[in-house]
Protein backbone atom coordinates (compact mmCIF):
# COMPACT_ATOMS: atom_id res chain seq x y z
CA MET A 1 0.05 -0.06 -0.01
CA SER A 2 3.02 2.39 0.14
CA GLU A 3 2.56 3.87 -3.41
CA LYS A 4 -1.04 5.30 -2.02
CA PHE A 5 1.17 7.23 0.70
CA PRO A 6 4.06 9.45 -0.86
CA GLU A 7 4.74 10.79 2.30
CA VAL A 8 4.02 9.06 5.90
CA ALA A 9 4.04 9.49 9.54
CA LEU A 10 6.63 7.08 10.78
CA LYS A 11 6.55 6.12 14.33
CA ILE A 12 9.93 4.83 15.63
CA HIS A 13 9.72 3.26 19.17
CA ARG A 14 12.81 3.56 21.18
CA ARG A 15 14.36 0.23 21.47
CA ARG A 16 13.47 -1.01 25.09
CA TYR A 17 9.59 -0.30 24.14
CA GLY A 18 9.59 -2.48 21.29
CA ASN A 19 6.97 -4.66 22.49
CA ASP A 20 4.89 -1.74 22.78
CA GLY A 21 5.23 -0.99 19.13
CA ARG A 22 4.48 -4.45 18.34
CA ARG A 23 1.42 -4.63 20.76
CA GLU A 24 -0.06 -1.35 18.91
CA PHE A 25 0.63 -2.85 15.44
CA PHE A 26 -1.20 -6.02 16.25
CA VAL A 27 -3.93 -4.38 18.23
CA THR A 28 -4.78 -2.17 15.06
CA ARG A 29 -4.51 -5.43 12.79
CA TYR A 30 -7.39 -6.84 15.37
CA ILE A 31 -9.55 -3.96 14.81
CA VAL A 32 -9.39 -4.33 11.02
CA GLU A 33 -9.82 -8.07 11.25
CA GLN A 34 -13.23 -7.73 13.54
CA GLY A 35 -14.39 -5.10 11.05
CA LEU A 36 -14.58 -2.34 13.92
CA PRO A 37 -15.45 1.32 12.78
CA LEU A 38 -12.17 2.67 11.11
CA ASP A 39 -13.08 5.96 10.76
CA ALA A 40 -12.04 6.94 14.07
CA VAL A 41 -8.99 5.02 14.31
CA SER A 42 -5.62 5.63 12.85
CA VAL A 43 -4.29 2.23 11.59
CA PRO A 44 -0.57 1.65 10.50
CA PHE A 45 -0.46 -0.04 6.72
CA GLU A 46 3.19 -1.22 7.83
CA GLY A 47 4.99 -2.52 10.78
CA PHE A 48 8.70 -3.63 10.70
CA GLU A 49 11.86 -3.75 12.59
CA ALA A 50 14.85 -1.75 11.34
CA ALA A 51 18.14 -3.16 11.19
CA GLU A 52 19.13 -1.16 14.11
CA GLY A 53 16.52 -3.13 16.19
CA HIS A 54 13.85 -0.33 16.53
CA VAL A 55 10.19 -1.33 15.76
CA CYS A 56 8.58 1.19 13.40
CA LEU A 57 5.22 1.79 12.41
CA ALA A 58 3.94 3.50 8.93
CA TYR A 59 0.90 5.69 9.11
CA PRO A 60 -1.15 7.93 6.92
CA LEU A 61 -0.35 11.49 7.69
CA LEU A 62 -3.04 12.75 9.41
CA GLY A 63 -3.69 16.16 11.36
CA LYS A 64 -2.12 17.53 14.53
CA ASP A 65 -3.27 16.01 17.83
CA LEU A 66 -5.95 17.91 19.83
CA ASN A 67 -3.70 19.12 22.52
CA GLY A 68 -1.77 20.78 19.74
CA TRP A 69 -4.67 22.35 18.25
CA ASN A 70 -5.79 23.56 21.51
CA GLN A 71 -2.62 25.22 22.10
CA ASP A 72 -2.06 26.86 18.49
CA ARG A 73 -5.73 28.12 18.56
CA GLY A 74 -5.57 29.85 21.57
CA ARG A 75 -9.07 29.02 22.20
CA PRO A 76 -11.32 26.11 23.26
CA PHE A 77 -12.84 23.61 20.70
CA SER A 78 -16.54 24.83 19.97
CA VAL A 79 -19.32 22.76 21.27
CA GLU A 80 -20.33 21.59 17.49
CA GLU A 81 -16.53 20.42 17.01
CA THR A 82 -16.42 18.84 20.39
CA ARG A 83 -19.67 17.09 19.84
CA ARG A 84 -18.58 15.74 16.35
CA ILE A 85 -15.40 14.37 18.14
CA ALA A 86 -17.18 12.78 20.80
CA LYS A 87 -19.93 11.10 18.61
CA LYS A 88 -17.45 9.46 16.46
CA THR A 89 -14.90 8.39 19.20
CA LEU A 90 -17.89 6.78 21.28
CA VAL A 91 -19.10 4.79 18.10
CA PHE A 92 -15.60 3.52 17.97
CA LEU A 93 -15.22 2.84 21.79
CA ASP A 94 -18.83 0.92 21.84
CA ALA A 95 -17.43 -1.74 19.37
CA PHE A 96 -14.06 -2.04 20.90
CA HIS A 97 -15.50 -2.29 24.52
CA GLU A 98 -18.11 -4.72 23.04
CA SER A 99 -15.15 -6.94 22.05
CA GLY A 100 -13.83 -6.68 25.89
CA ALA A 101 -10.76 -4.51 25.12
CA ALA A 102 -9.98 -1.00 26.18
CA HIS A 103 -7.68 1.67 24.98
CA THR A 104 -6.69 2.47 28.43
CA ASP A 105 -4.96 6.07 27.68
CA ILE A 106 -7.54 8.34 26.37
CA LYS A 107 -6.47 11.99 26.39
CA PRO A 108 -6.04 14.87 23.85
CA ASP A 109 -2.51 13.97 22.76
CA ASN A 110 -3.99 10.33 21.41
CA PHE A 111 -6.28 11.84 19.06
CA LEU A 112 -5.21 13.43 15.52
CA TYR A 113 -7.56 15.94 14.28
CA ASP A 114 -8.04 17.72 10.77
CA PRO A 115 -10.42 20.73 11.38
CA GLY A 116 -10.92 21.23 7.56
CA THR A 117 -12.52 17.75 7.23
CA GLY A 118 -13.60 17.28 10.72
CA GLU A 119 -11.74 14.04 10.62
CA ILE A 120 -10.82 12.35 14.30
CA ARG A 121 -8.46 9.49 14.68
CA LEU A 122 -7.82 7.87 17.87
CA ILE A 123 -4.09 6.72 18.14
CA ASP A 124 -1.55 4.90 20.30
CA PHE A 125 -3.05 1.62 21.20
CA GLY A 126 0.31 0.41 22.67
CA ASN A 127 -1.30 0.25 26.24
CA SER A 128 -4.67 -1.40 25.03
CA GLU A 129 -5.73 -4.08 27.38
CA ARG A 130 -8.24 -7.03 27.66
CA ARG A 131 -6.82 -8.87 30.52
CA PHE A 132 -7.32 -6.41 33.38
CA LYS A 133 -5.08 -6.93 36.64
CA ARG A 134 -6.01 -4.79 39.60
CA GLY A 135 -3.02 -2.34 40.62
CA THR A 136 -1.75 -2.22 36.82
CA PRO A 137 -1.37 1.74 36.10
CA VAL A 138 -3.91 2.91 33.61
CA ALA A 139 -4.42 6.19 31.78
CA THR A 140 -2.25 9.52 32.04
CA ARG A 141 -2.49 10.84 35.63
CA GLU A 142 -5.10 13.74 34.77
CA TYR A 143 -7.26 11.23 33.08
CA THR A 144 -6.89 8.43 35.60
CA PRO A 145 -10.28 7.14 37.25
CA PRO A 146 -10.51 6.36 40.79
CA GLU A 147 -10.22 2.76 40.56
CA GLY A 148 -6.56 3.33 38.60
CA ILE A 149 -5.56 5.09 41.73
CA ILE A 150 -7.14 2.61 44.50
CA GLY A 151 -6.20 -0.79 42.60
CA GLY A 152 -9.87 -1.30 42.04
CA GLU A 153 -11.76 -3.36 39.54
CA LEU A 154 -10.50 -2.35 36.02
CA GLY A 155 -12.45 -2.70 32.62
CA PRO A 156 -13.59 -0.70 29.45
CA ALA A 157 -15.01 1.77 32.03
CA VAL A 158 -11.78 3.52 32.35
CA ASP A 159 -11.96 4.90 28.94
CA LEU A 160 -15.26 6.41 29.79
CA TRP A 161 -13.75 8.30 32.51
CA SER A 162 -10.85 9.49 30.59
CA PHE A 163 -13.00 10.46 27.79
CA ALA A 164 -15.03 12.74 29.82
CA CYS A 165 -12.11 14.38 31.28
CA THR A 166 -10.94 15.00 27.38
CA ILE A 167 -14.29 16.47 26.58
CA PHE A 168 -13.97 19.04 29.50
CA GLU A 169 -10.50 20.15 28.44
CA LEU A 170 -11.55 20.64 24.73
CA LEU A 171 -14.13 22.91 25.80
CA THR A 172 -12.03 24.84 28.45
CA ARG A 173 -8.43 24.41 27.66
CA GLU A 174 -8.41 23.22 31.55
CA PHE A 175 -7.78 20.07 33.07
CA LEU A 176 -10.86 18.74 34.78
CA PHE A 177 -8.66 17.59 37.78
CA ASP A 178 -5.05 18.99 38.11
CA PRO A 179 -3.57 17.31 41.06
CA HIS A 180 -0.13 18.92 40.05
CA GLU A 181 -1.65 22.41 40.28
CA ALA A 182 -3.35 21.33 43.58
CA ALA A 183 0.04 19.89 45.18
CA ALA A 184 1.94 22.96 44.08
CA GLU A 185 -0.52 25.19 45.86
CA LYS A 186 0.37 23.51 49.01
CA TYR A 187 3.74 22.45 48.87
CA VAL A 188 6.74 24.16 47.47
CA GLU A 189 8.59 20.93 46.79
CA PHE A 190 5.67 20.06 44.03
CA SER A 191 6.29 23.43 41.85
CA ASP A 192 8.49 20.95 39.65
CA ASP A 193 7.10 18.32 37.57
CA GLY A 194 8.37 15.06 39.18
CA ASP A 195 6.50 12.72 37.00
CA GLU A 196 8.06 14.05 34.13
CA ASP A 197 11.61 13.73 35.66
CA GLU A 198 10.97 10.41 36.46
CA ALA A 199 9.53 9.29 33.24
CA GLU A 200 12.70 10.72 31.56
CA GLU A 201 14.88 8.54 34.11
CA GLU A 202 12.89 5.50 33.09
CA ALA A 203 13.27 6.25 29.49
CA SER A 204 16.97 6.26 29.59
CA SER A 205 17.55 3.21 32.04
CA SER A 206 18.02 0.52 29.38
CA GLY A 207 21.75 0.73 29.66
CA GLU A 208 22.33 2.71 26.40
CA ASP A 209 23.02 6.42 25.73
CA PRO A 210 19.78 7.79 24.84
CA SER A 211 21.34 10.08 22.10
CA GLU A 212 23.21 6.96 20.77
CA GLU A 213 20.12 4.94 20.52
CA GLU A 214 18.41 7.51 18.48
CA GLY A 215 21.57 8.45 16.42
CA PRO A 216 20.38 6.50 13.38
CA TYR A 217 17.25 8.77 12.93
CA ALA A 218 17.67 12.47 12.03
CA LYS A 219 16.41 14.47 8.95
CA GLY A 220 17.83 13.12 5.71
CA ARG A 221 18.56 9.76 6.78
CA LEU A 222 16.80 6.52 5.13
CA VAL A 223 15.12 3.82 7.48
CA ALA A 224 15.08 0.30 5.94
CA GLY A 225 15.90 1.62 2.75
CA LYS A 226 12.48 2.76 2.12
CA TYR A 227 11.48 5.58 4.21
CA ARG A 228 13.48 9.02 3.94
CA ILE A 229 13.02 11.18 7.16
CA LEU A 230 12.01 14.71 6.37
CA GLU A 231 11.05 16.37 9.95
CA GLU A 232 10.04 15.36 13.37
CA LEU A 233 6.40 15.65 14.04
CA GLY A 234 6.39 14.78 17.55
CA SER A 235 8.46 13.09 20.55
CA GLY A 236 7.51 10.94 23.55
CA HIS A 237 9.42 8.71 26.36
CA PHE A 238 8.50 5.64 24.17
CA ALA A 239 8.72 6.78 20.55
CA ARG A 240 9.20 9.50 18.02
CA VAL A 241 7.12 10.41 15.15
CA TRP A 242 8.62 11.49 11.82
CA ARG A 243 7.42 12.72 8.48
CA ALA A 244 8.82 10.53 5.86
CA LYS A 245 8.98 10.22 2.29
CA VAL A 246 8.46 6.83 0.75
CA VAL A 247 11.43 6.75 -1.88
CA HIS A 248 11.13 3.12 -2.65
CA PRO A 249 7.57 1.98 -2.52
CA ASP A 250 8.03 -1.44 -3.98
CA ARG A 251 10.58 -2.37 -1.38
CA HIS A 252 9.20 -5.47 0.80
CA LEU A 253 10.36 -5.29 4.54
CA GLU A 254 9.97 -8.39 6.72
CA PRO A 255 6.42 -7.61 8.95
CA LEU A 256 6.80 -7.69 12.51
CA SER A 257 6.58 -11.05 14.29
CA ARG A 258 4.01 -11.32 17.02
CA PRO A 259 5.35 -10.94 20.84
CA ALA A 260 6.25 -14.04 22.37
CA GLY A 261 3.19 -15.29 24.28
CA SER A 262 0.72 -12.80 22.74
CA GLU A 263 -2.88 -13.79 21.98
CA VAL A 264 -3.41 -11.42 19.17
CA SER A 265 -7.10 -12.92 18.17
CA ALA A 266 -7.86 -11.70 21.89
CA GLY A 267 -7.44 -8.19 20.93
CA VAL A 268 -4.26 -7.43 22.59
CA SER A 269 -0.78 -8.81 23.58
CA SER A 270 -0.09 -9.31 27.16
CA ALA A 271 3.22 -10.87 26.61
CA PRO A 272 6.34 -9.94 28.92
CA ALA A 273 8.84 -7.88 27.28
CA VAL A 274 11.26 -9.43 24.82
CA PRO A 275 14.88 -8.64 25.87
CA GLN A 276 16.16 -6.01 23.22
CA THR A 277 19.76 -6.63 23.92
CA SER A 278 22.33 -9.13 24.09
CA GLY A 279 25.60 -9.86 25.60
CA VAL A 280 26.97 -9.98 29.06
CA GLU A 281 24.97 -8.33 31.90
CA ALA A 282 26.31 -5.05 33.00
CA PRO A 283 26.59 -4.54 36.77
CA VAL A 284 23.49 -2.87 38.51
CA SER A 285 24.05 0.78 39.38
CA LEU A 286 22.80 2.57 42.00
CA PRO A 287 20.19 4.68 39.79
CA ASP A 288 19.23 1.28 38.28
CA ARG A 289 18.69 0.11 42.05
CA ALA A 290 16.69 3.09 42.94
CA ARG A 291 14.50 2.52 39.53
CA GLU A 292 14.25 -1.01 40.81
CA ALA A 293 12.87 -0.08 44.08
CA ARG A 294 10.60 2.30 42.75
CA ARG A 295 9.14 -0.53 40.45
CA ASN A 296 8.68 -2.95 43.49
CA ASN A 297 6.95 0.00 45.27
CA ARG A 298 4.36 0.33 42.49
CA LYS A 299 3.71 -3.65 42.59
CA ARG A 300 3.15 -3.42 46.22
CA PHE A 301 1.72 -0.09 47.12
CA GLY A 302 0.60 1.02 43.65
CA VAL A 303 2.78 4.16 43.84
CA THR A 304 6.48 4.60 43.05
CA ASP A 305 7.43 7.13 45.87
CA THR A 306 6.04 9.85 48.16
CA TYR A 307 5.63 12.17 45.31
CA ASP A 308 3.46 10.08 43.41
CA LEU A 309 1.58 9.07 46.82
CA ALA A 310 0.86 12.50 47.46
CA LEU A 311 -0.32 13.39 43.73
CA ASN A 312 -2.74 10.36 44.14
CA TYR A 313 -4.14 11.69 47.40
CA GLU A 314 -4.57 15.39 46.00
CA HIS A 315 -6.13 13.39 42.86
CA LEU A 316 -8.67 11.87 45.06
CA LEU A 317 -9.51 15.03 46.91
CA LEU A 318 -10.23 16.71 43.87
CA MET A 319 -12.45 14.11 42.89
CA GLN A 320 -13.90 14.12 46.14
CA ASN A 321 -14.35 18.07 46.09
CA LEU A 322 -16.60 17.62 42.66
CA LEU A 323 -18.21 14.39 42.81
CA GLY A 324 -18.45 13.93 46.71
CA PRO A 325 -17.15 10.94 48.67
CA CYS A 326 -15.92 8.05 46.95
CA PRO A 327 -18.61 4.92 47.92
CA SER A 328 -17.14 3.38 51.00
CA GLU A 329 -17.72 -0.19 49.43
CA MET A 330 -15.65 0.89 46.49
CA ALA A 331 -12.75 2.45 48.71
CA LYS A 332 -12.71 -0.65 50.66
CA ASP A 333 -12.35 -2.93 47.67
CA GLY A 334 -9.30 -1.39 46.49
CA ILE A 335 -5.97 -3.27 47.16
CA PHE A 336 -4.61 -0.18 48.16
CA HIS A 337 -7.44 1.40 49.95
CA GLN A 338 -5.51 1.24 53.43
CA ILE A 339 -2.95 3.75 51.77
CA TYR A 340 -5.75 6.55 51.09
CA PHE A 341 -8.97 5.51 53.35
CA ARG A 342 -9.68 4.90 56.91
CA PRO A 343 -11.57 1.59 57.83
CA ASP A 344 -15.03 3.22 57.28
CA GLY A 345 -14.09 4.08 53.74
CA VAL A 346 -13.38 7.79 54.33
CA LEU A 347 -10.59 9.59 52.70
CA LYS A 348 -7.48 10.05 55.65
CA PHE A 349 -6.84 13.49 56.75
CA ASP A 350 -9.98 14.99 55.18
CA PRO A 351 -12.93 14.03 57.33
CA SER A 352 -15.25 16.75 56.67
CA PRO A 353 -15.65 17.01 52.92
CA GLU A 354 -17.73 20.13 51.86
CA PRO A 355 -20.05 20.48 49.15
CA VAL A 356 -18.64 21.64 45.94
CA ALA A 357 -18.80 25.26 45.62
CA ALA A 358 -21.26 26.61 42.93
CA GLU A 359 -18.59 28.30 40.98
CA LYS A 360 -16.50 24.99 40.81
CA THR A 361 -19.14 22.84 39.17
CA ILE A 362 -18.57 21.54 35.84
CA SER A 363 -21.69 23.49 34.33
CA ALA A 364 -20.24 26.81 35.78
CA ARG A 365 -16.34 26.33 34.40
CA LEU A 366 -18.24 25.61 31.06
CA VAL A 367 -20.27 28.76 31.15
CA LYS A 368 -17.18 30.58 32.30
CA SER A 369 -15.47 29.19 29.07
CA GLY A 370 -18.20 30.79 27.01
CA ILE A 371 -20.79 28.17 26.68
CA ALA A 372 -24.39 29.03 26.98
CA LYS A 373 -25.85 28.03 30.44
CA GLU A 374 -28.46 25.71 29.11
CA GLU A 375 -25.99 24.05 26.82
CA ALA A 376 -23.36 23.66 29.82
CA THR A 377 -25.99 22.13 31.90
CA GLN A 378 -26.67 19.38 29.13
CA ILE A 379 -22.86 18.80 28.71
CA GLU A 380 -22.70 18.59 32.64
CA SER A 381 -25.26 15.82 32.70
CA LEU A 382 -23.34 13.64 30.26
CA LEU A 383 -19.60 14.07 31.80
CA LEU A 384 -21.30 13.31 35.39
CA ALA A 385 -22.84 10.01 33.94
CA MET A 386 -19.28 9.14 32.68
CA LEU A 387 -17.73 10.27 35.97
CA ARG A 388 -19.35 7.68 38.42
CA TYR A 389 -17.11 6.56 40.70
CA GLU A 390 -18.15 2.86 40.49
CA PRO A 391 -17.25 1.41 37.02
CA ARG A 392 -19.93 -0.51 36.73
CA LYS A 393 -22.76 2.36 37.30
CA ARG A 394 -20.49 4.60 34.81
CA ALA A 395 -22.41 5.31 31.68
CA THR A 396 -21.16 3.09 28.75
CA ALA A 397 -20.36 4.44 25.63
CA GLU A 398 -23.65 3.19 24.00
CA GLN A 399 -25.64 5.12 26.87
CA CYS A 400 -23.38 8.28 26.10
CA LEU A 401 -24.47 8.38 22.51
CA ALA A 402 -28.31 8.03 23.68
CA HIS A 403 -27.83 11.11 25.92
CA SER A 404 -29.54 14.31 24.69
CA TRP A 405 -26.61 16.23 23.89
CA LEU A 406 -25.39 13.83 21.39
CA SER A 407 -28.47 12.29 20.26
CA GLY A 408 -30.49 15.44 19.72
CA ALA A 409 -27.85 16.99 17.25
């Protein structure tokens, strides 16, 4: 299919995250094979491993991500734009969830959008899950549902919580929940983004020099004898995306192999990481031991360190301030509940939650962003249904599509 795409978006995963690239590729293959709606998903037409050992995925060139548009335009998305984005995304999520799978990382950065055509595409299926395990981290912090923090029951409902946060952000250019800001207001130690520092540290812990790892890829370089890199489109902790020219469309590349132990027919790969390097093991350095200790803490307590713990607690407080206390049965059901809750299911250190202030409600914040009061009330009704604490009571994608704000337009 390369001849149809003179230029592509070439996603090159860092070596230690090669299995994430494979997972992303085979989940999208599953979406195609199952006949799920494709007009809201970006599907790579080719996946291969380059000579340097990097897993590469070639996508059609699409628009900028929603976060990029929000920043560049300097204004929120219109109600009509947001409604179109929400409807198309929910149609896909309804089918994807029906298959038992979830994206698990819904956020503005993971949507590509073309405002000229209204085309919206969900991307980055590398974290998609079907076999959910309590205590597994899900979603990016600001979009994480309560069950992801307290170690509760996980399932497709995580996507609805995250998408509610996304819809609000499109309409206001603000986070619905911002634990970093809440912590920074209380403690000077939280004024820097420790999450980002830690993620960068993790990304460089493979034993290789990060600059050396990405050395073969720069403007003008030829990848796998087929794709000429033109410019960088974006960079994250796990991969970089380049605009590339297809210079040899007829060149056949060996397709990606499935990760060991994966069950692609089930919709996701649940394989353990496949070692990406060979040779004699290097001595374990002190920074590596510290990282390993944090990983062990994550397994035992659901947090990596006290910074992570404080942000989680602030996040739960923000939820309580907007939605009221977490139901005690759900609180006590989380495998990490003793960290955050008293035996009676009440949050520690905050025994007297107050009713949400009128100016802090979702509808009030939407009105402040320029949305008419009646419309804001409708949107609030939808979002609150998507933000119910208990995953089993949270509105499904199908139920969201039947809501008056979406079905009546």
